[in-house]
C-alpha atoms as a PDB file:
ATOM      1  CA  MET A   1     -41.650  15.411  50.616  1.00  0.00           C
ATOM      2  CA  THR A   2     -45.047  17.034  50.959  1.00  0.00           C
ATOM      3  CA  GLU A   3     -48.272  15.127  50.692  1.00  0.00           C
ATOM      4  CA  GLU A   4     -50.074  15.248  47.338  1.00  0.00           C
ATOM      5  CA  ARG A   5     -53.309  17.246  47.246  1.00  0.00           C
ATOM      6  CA  ALA A   6     -55.586  19.119  44.888  1.00  0.00           C
ATOM      7  CA  PHE A   7     -55.411  22.926  44.845  1.00  0.00           C
ATOM      8  CA  SER A   8     -58.234  25.446  44.893  1.00  0.00           C
ATOM      9  CA  TRP A   9     -58.214  28.497  42.618  1.00  0.00           C
ATOM     10  CA  ASP A  10     -57.225  30.756  45.534  1.00  0.00           C
ATOM     11  CA  ASP A  11     -54.359  28.633  46.942  1.00  0.00           C
ATOM     12  CA  GLU A  12     -50.783  29.857  47.146  1.00  0.00           C
ATOM     13  CA  PHE A  13     -48.306  27.649  45.248  1.00  0.00           C
ATOM     14  CA  THR A  14     -44.715  26.677  45.996  1.00  0.00           C
ATOM     15  CA  GLU A  15     -42.128  26.921  43.234  1.00  0.00           C
ATOM     16  CA  VAL A  16     -41.015  23.458  42.078  1.00  0.00           C
ATOM     17  CA  GLU A  17     -38.527  22.555  39.361  1.00  0.00           C
ATOM     18  CA  ASP A  18     -39.688  20.374  36.452  1.00  0.00           C
ATOM     19  CA  SER A  19     -38.792  16.767  37.283  1.00  0.00           C
ATOM     20  CA  PHE A  20     -38.075  15.921  33.622  1.00  0.00           C
ATOM     21  CA  GLN A  21     -34.350  15.797  33.006  1.00  0.00           C
ATOM     22  CA  ILE A  22     -32.796  15.687  29.535  1.00  0.00           C
ATOM     23  CA  VAL A  23     -31.250  12.281  28.828  1.00  0.00           C
ATOM     24  CA  PRO A  24     -28.192  12.008  26.563  1.00  0.00           C
ATOM     25  CA  PRO A  25     -28.773  10.953  22.942  1.00  0.00           C
ATOM     26  CA  GLY A  26     -28.661   7.203  22.424  1.00  0.00           C
ATOM     27  CA  ASP A  27     -30.614   3.936  22.422  1.00  0.00           C
ATOM     28  CA  TYR A  28     -32.778   3.163  25.439  1.00  0.00           C
ATOM     29  CA  ASP A  29     -35.104   0.441  26.655  1.00  0.00           C
ATOM     30  CA  PHE A  30     -38.309   2.157  27.760  1.00  0.00           C
ATOM     31  CA  THR A  31     -41.389   1.528  29.842  1.00  0.00           C
ATOM     32  CA  ILE A  32     -44.575   3.524  29.262  1.00  0.00           C
ATOM     33  CA  VAL A  33     -45.450   5.137  32.601  1.00  0.00           C
ATOM     34  CA  ASP A  34     -48.191   7.571  31.578  1.00  0.00           C
ATOM     35  CA  PHE A  35     -50.785   7.979  28.843  1.00  0.00           C
ATOM     36  CA  GLU A  36     -53.222  10.824  28.284  1.00  0.00           C
ATOM     37  CA  ARG A  37     -55.902  11.273  25.622  1.00  0.00           C
ATOM     38  CA  ALA A  38     -55.787  14.748  24.079  1.00  0.00           C
ATOM     39  CA  HIS A  39     -56.777  16.754  21.027  1.00  0.00           C
ATOM     40  CA  PHE A  40     -54.295  18.517  18.750  1.00  0.00           C
ATOM     41  CA  ASP A  41     -55.631  21.820  17.416  1.00  0.00           C
ATOM     42  CA  GLY A  42     -53.607  21.643  14.207  1.00  0.00           C
ATOM     43  CA  SER A  43     -50.528  23.341  12.763  1.00  0.00           C
ATOM     44  CA  ASP A  44     -48.955  24.052   9.388  1.00  0.00           C
ATOM     45  CA  LYS A  45     -47.742  20.433   9.245  1.00  0.00           C
ATOM     46  CA  MET A  46     -50.627  18.511  10.842  1.00  0.00           C
ATOM     47  CA  PRO A  47     -54.404  19.046  10.706  1.00  0.00           C
ATOM     48  CA  PRO A  48     -56.483  18.908  13.909  1.00  0.00           C
ATOM     49  CA  CYS A  49     -56.781  15.347  15.240  1.00  0.00           C
ATOM     50  CA  LEU A  50     -56.787  13.216  18.356  1.00  0.00           C
ATOM     51  CA  MET A  51     -53.420  12.673  19.992  1.00  0.00           C
ATOM     52  CA  ALA A  52     -51.926  10.340  22.566  1.00  0.00           C
ATOM     53  CA  LYS A  53     -49.549  11.986  25.045  1.00  0.00           C
ATOM     54  CA  LEU A  54     -47.118   9.308  26.191  1.00  0.00           C
ATOM     55  CA  THR A  55     -44.445   9.388  28.881  1.00  0.00           C
ATOM     56  CA  TYR A  56     -41.620   6.851  28.673  1.00  0.00           C
ATOM     57  CA  GLU A  57     -39.226   6.028  31.495  1.00  0.00           C
ATOM     58  CA  VAL A  58     -35.640   5.086  30.613  1.00  0.00           C
ATOM     59  CA  GLN A  59     -32.492   4.332  32.573  1.00  0.00           C
ATOM     60  CA  THR A  60     -29.653   6.714  31.713  1.00  0.00           C
ATOM     61  CA  PRO A  61     -25.996   5.632  31.356  1.00  0.00           C
ATOM     62  CA  ASP A  62     -25.252   6.935  34.878  1.00  0.00           C
ATOM     63  CA  GLY A  63     -27.982   4.698  36.323  1.00  0.00           C
ATOM     64  CA  THR A  64     -30.595   7.382  37.017  1.00  0.00           C
ATOM     65  CA  LYS A  65     -34.092   7.259  35.588  1.00  0.00           C
ATOM     66  CA  GLY A  66     -35.171   9.745  32.955  1.00  0.00           C
ATOM     67  CA  ARG A  67     -38.544  10.476  31.396  1.00  0.00           C
ATOM     68  CA  ILE A  68     -39.292  11.330  27.790  1.00  0.00           C
ATOM     69  CA  ARG A  69     -42.588  12.721  26.538  1.00  0.00           C
ATOM     70  CA  GLN A  70     -43.990  12.169  23.057  1.00  0.00           C
ATOM     71  CA  ASN A  71     -47.185  12.992  21.199  1.00  0.00           C
ATOM     72  CA  LEU A  72     -48.569  10.386  18.801  1.00  0.00           C
ATOM     73  CA  PHE A  73     -51.015  11.898  16.319  1.00  0.00           C
ATOM     74  CA  LEU A  74     -54.003   9.789  15.317  1.00  0.00           C
ATOM     75  CA  HIS A  75     -54.032  10.916  11.691  1.00  0.00           C
ATOM     76  CA  SER A  76     -53.296   9.236   8.374  1.00  0.00           C
ATOM     77  CA  LYS A  77     -50.286  11.572   7.910  1.00  0.00           C
ATOM     78  CA  SER A  78     -48.596   9.853  10.840  1.00  0.00           C
ATOM     79  CA  GLU A  79     -49.877   6.301  10.357  1.00  0.00           C
ATOM     80  CA  TRP A  80     -46.271   5.214   9.719  1.00  0.00           C
ATOM     81  CA  GLN A  81     -45.364   6.489  13.216  1.00  0.00           C
ATOM     82  CA  LEU A  82     -48.251   4.578  14.791  1.00  0.00           C
ATOM     83  CA  THR A  83     -47.029   1.462  12.937  1.00  0.00           C
ATOM     84  CA  ASN A  84     -43.464   1.915  14.236  1.00  0.00           C
ATOM     85  CA  PHE A  85     -44.782   2.450  17.779  1.00  0.00           C
ATOM     86  CA  ALA A  86     -47.000  -0.667  17.561  1.00  0.00           C
ATOM     87  CA  CYS A  87     -44.039  -2.759  16.349  1.00  0.00           C
ATOM     88  CA  ALA A  88     -41.840  -1.399  19.163  1.00  0.00           C
ATOM     89  CA  VAL A  89     -44.235  -2.358  21.967  1.00  0.00           C
ATOM     90  CA  GLY A  90     -45.136  -5.715  20.392  1.00  0.00           C
ATOM     91  CA  ILE A  91     -48.724  -4.950  19.378  1.00  0.00           C
ATOM     92  CA  MET A  92     -47.926  -6.109  15.862  1.00  0.00           C
ATOM     93  CA  GLN A  93     -45.147  -7.412  13.642  1.00  0.00           C
ATOM     94  CA  ARG A  94     -44.284  -5.971  10.261  1.00  0.00           C
ATOM     95  CA  GLY A  95     -46.398  -7.636   7.610  1.00  0.00           C
ATOM     96  CA  ASP A  96     -49.456  -8.111   9.871  1.00  0.00           C
ATOM     97  CA  GLY A  97     -51.312  -5.475   7.832  1.00  0.00           C
ATOM     98  CA  HIS A  98     -53.824  -4.100  10.329  1.00  0.00           C
ATOM     99  CA  PHE A  99     -53.637  -3.463  14.047  1.00  0.00           C
ATOM    100  CA  ARG A 100     -55.530  -1.758  16.834  1.00  0.00           C
ATOM    101  CA  ILE A 101     -53.905  -0.098  19.860  1.00  0.00           C
ATOM    102  CA  ALA A 102     -55.534  -0.831  23.240  1.00  0.00           C
ATOM    103  CA  TRP A 103     -54.666   2.625  24.584  1.00  0.00           C
ATOM    104  CA  ASN A 104     -55.893   1.940  28.128  1.00  0.00           C
ATOM    105  CA  GLN A 105     -53.547  -1.043  28.386  1.00  0.00           C
ATOM    106  CA  LEU A 106     -50.316   0.763  27.411  1.00  0.00           C
ATOM    107  CA  ILE A 107     -49.074   1.589  30.921  1.00  0.00           C
ATOM    108  CA  GLY A 108     -46.235  -0.844  31.635  1.00  0.00           C
ATOM    109  CA  ALA A 109     -45.616  -1.702  27.963  1.00  0.00           C
ATOM    110  CA  THR A 110     -41.930  -1.887  27.070  1.00  0.00           C
ATOM    111  CA  GLY A 111     -39.807  -1.425  23.993  1.00  0.00           C
ATOM    112  CA  ARG A 112     -36.636   0.179  22.660  1.00  0.00           C
ATOM    113  CA  MET A 113     -36.100   3.606  21.095  1.00  0.00           C
ATOM    114  CA  GLN A 114     -33.427   5.958  19.855  1.00  0.00           C
ATOM    115  CA  VAL A 115     -33.487   9.341  21.599  1.00  0.00           C
ATOM    116  CA  SER A 116     -32.064  12.638  20.374  1.00  0.00           C
ATOM    117  CA  VAL A 117     -31.864  16.127  21.887  1.00  0.00           C
ATOM    118  CA  ARG A 118     -33.234  19.189  20.127  1.00  0.00           C
ATOM    119  CA  LYS A 119     -33.437  22.842  21.024  1.00  0.00           C
ATOM    120  CA  TYR A 120     -36.851  24.561  20.995  1.00  0.00           C
ATOM    121  CA  ASN A 121     -37.264  28.200  22.048  1.00  0.00           C
ATOM    122  CA  GLY A 122     -33.786  28.147  23.596  1.00  0.00           C
ATOM    123  CA  LYS A 123     -34.441  25.064  25.752  1.00  0.00           C
ATOM    124  CA  ASP A 124     -33.299  21.449  25.246  1.00  0.00           C
ATOM    125  CA  TYR A 125     -35.883  18.680  24.806  1.00  0.00           C
ATOM    126  CA  ASN A 126     -35.667  14.954  24.162  1.00  0.00           C
ATOM    127  CA  ASP A 127     -37.201  13.571  20.976  1.00  0.00           C
ATOM    128  CA  VAL A 128     -37.943   9.987  20.046  1.00  0.00           C
ATOM    129  CA  LYS A 129     -35.903   9.696  16.873  1.00  0.00           C
ATOM    130  CA  ARG A 130     -36.966   6.135  16.030  1.00  0.00           C
ATOM    131  CA  PHE A 131     -38.453   2.984  17.498  1.00  0.00           C
ATOM    132  CA  TYR A 132     -36.870  -0.455  17.251  1.00  0.00           C
ATOM    133  CA  ASP A 133     -39.088  -3.415  16.412  1.00  0.00           C
ATOM    134  CA  LYS A 134     -39.692  -5.694  19.399  1.00  0.00           C
ATOM    135  CA  THR A 135     -39.787  -8.817  17.220  1.00  0.00           C
ATOM    136  CA  ALA A 136     -38.851  -9.441  13.631  1.00  0.00           C
ATOM    137  CA  ALA A 137     -41.593 -10.194  11.117  1.00  0.00           C
ATOM    138  CA  PRO A 138     -41.624 -13.858  10.010  1.00  0.00           C
ATOM    139  CA  ASN A 139     -40.140 -13.101   6.567  1.00  0.00           C
ATOM    140  CA  ALA A 140     -38.035 -10.108   7.574  1.00  0.00           C
ATOM    141  CA  SER A 141     -34.487  -9.913   6.319  1.00  0.00           C
ATOM    142  CA  GLN A 142     -33.500  -7.524   9.129  1.00  0.00           C
ATOM    143  CA  PRO A 143     -32.233  -8.838  12.459  1.00  0.00           C
ATOM    144  CA  GLN A 144     -34.449  -8.050  15.450  1.00  0.00           C
ATOM    145  CA  SER A 145     -32.258  -5.174  16.651  1.00  0.00           C
ATOM    146  CA  GLN A 146     -32.503  -3.140  13.446  1.00  0.00           C
ATOM    147  CA  PRO A 147     -34.338   0.200  13.660  1.00  0.00           C
ATOM    148  CA  ALA A 148     -37.778   0.795  12.220  1.00  0.00           C
ATOM    149  CA  GLN A 149     -37.912   1.992   8.619  1.00  0.00           C
ATOM    150  CA  ARG A 150     -38.627   5.681   9.278  1.00  0.00           C
ATOM    151  CA  PRO A 151     -37.767   7.949  12.208  1.00  0.00           C
ATOM    152  CA  ALA A 152     -40.626   8.937  14.486  1.00  0.00           C
ATOM    153  CA  TYR A 153     -42.208  12.381  13.990  1.00  0.00           C
ATOM    154  CA  THR A 154     -42.523  14.529  17.095  1.00  0.00           C
ATOM    155  CA  GLN A 155     -44.444  17.794  17.002  1.00  0.00           C
ATOM    156  CA  GLY A 156     -43.468  20.649  19.305  1.00  0.00           C
ATOM    157  CA  ALA A 157     -42.718  20.629  22.996  1.00  0.00           C
ATOM    158  CA  PHE A 158     -45.127  20.111  25.844  1.00  0.00           C
END
């Protein structure tokens, strides 16, 4: 393996395959391994807003590690998704009302999600279909392992 280094604008590059492999659809425990602050320029479905680019690591059924990327949009249209994410990583429990995400402390956070595969521009991508609550709310009638109320919304591919 070659040593990591920064490139200059005039450097020659070596072709390298993308290290992200598609994981089979299913339920996975995840660990957040990367977080990036970004801005979404807007689309037909979502106005411009801030966005969190998250990378989750999961263990596939064959024992290898896979990575899944997801954008979380910081907009009222996707507040339900932020709620489901917060419940999955244990930031809040359903019924708490308000919560704040300490974005810089997310690396290493764990949870559980359902993953699907979708095709975009002829290529397969993983999507986070839904998050599972880490703990049940005090008055919840659902067992702890039940999925969140609504599936997570994922916009486009990276």
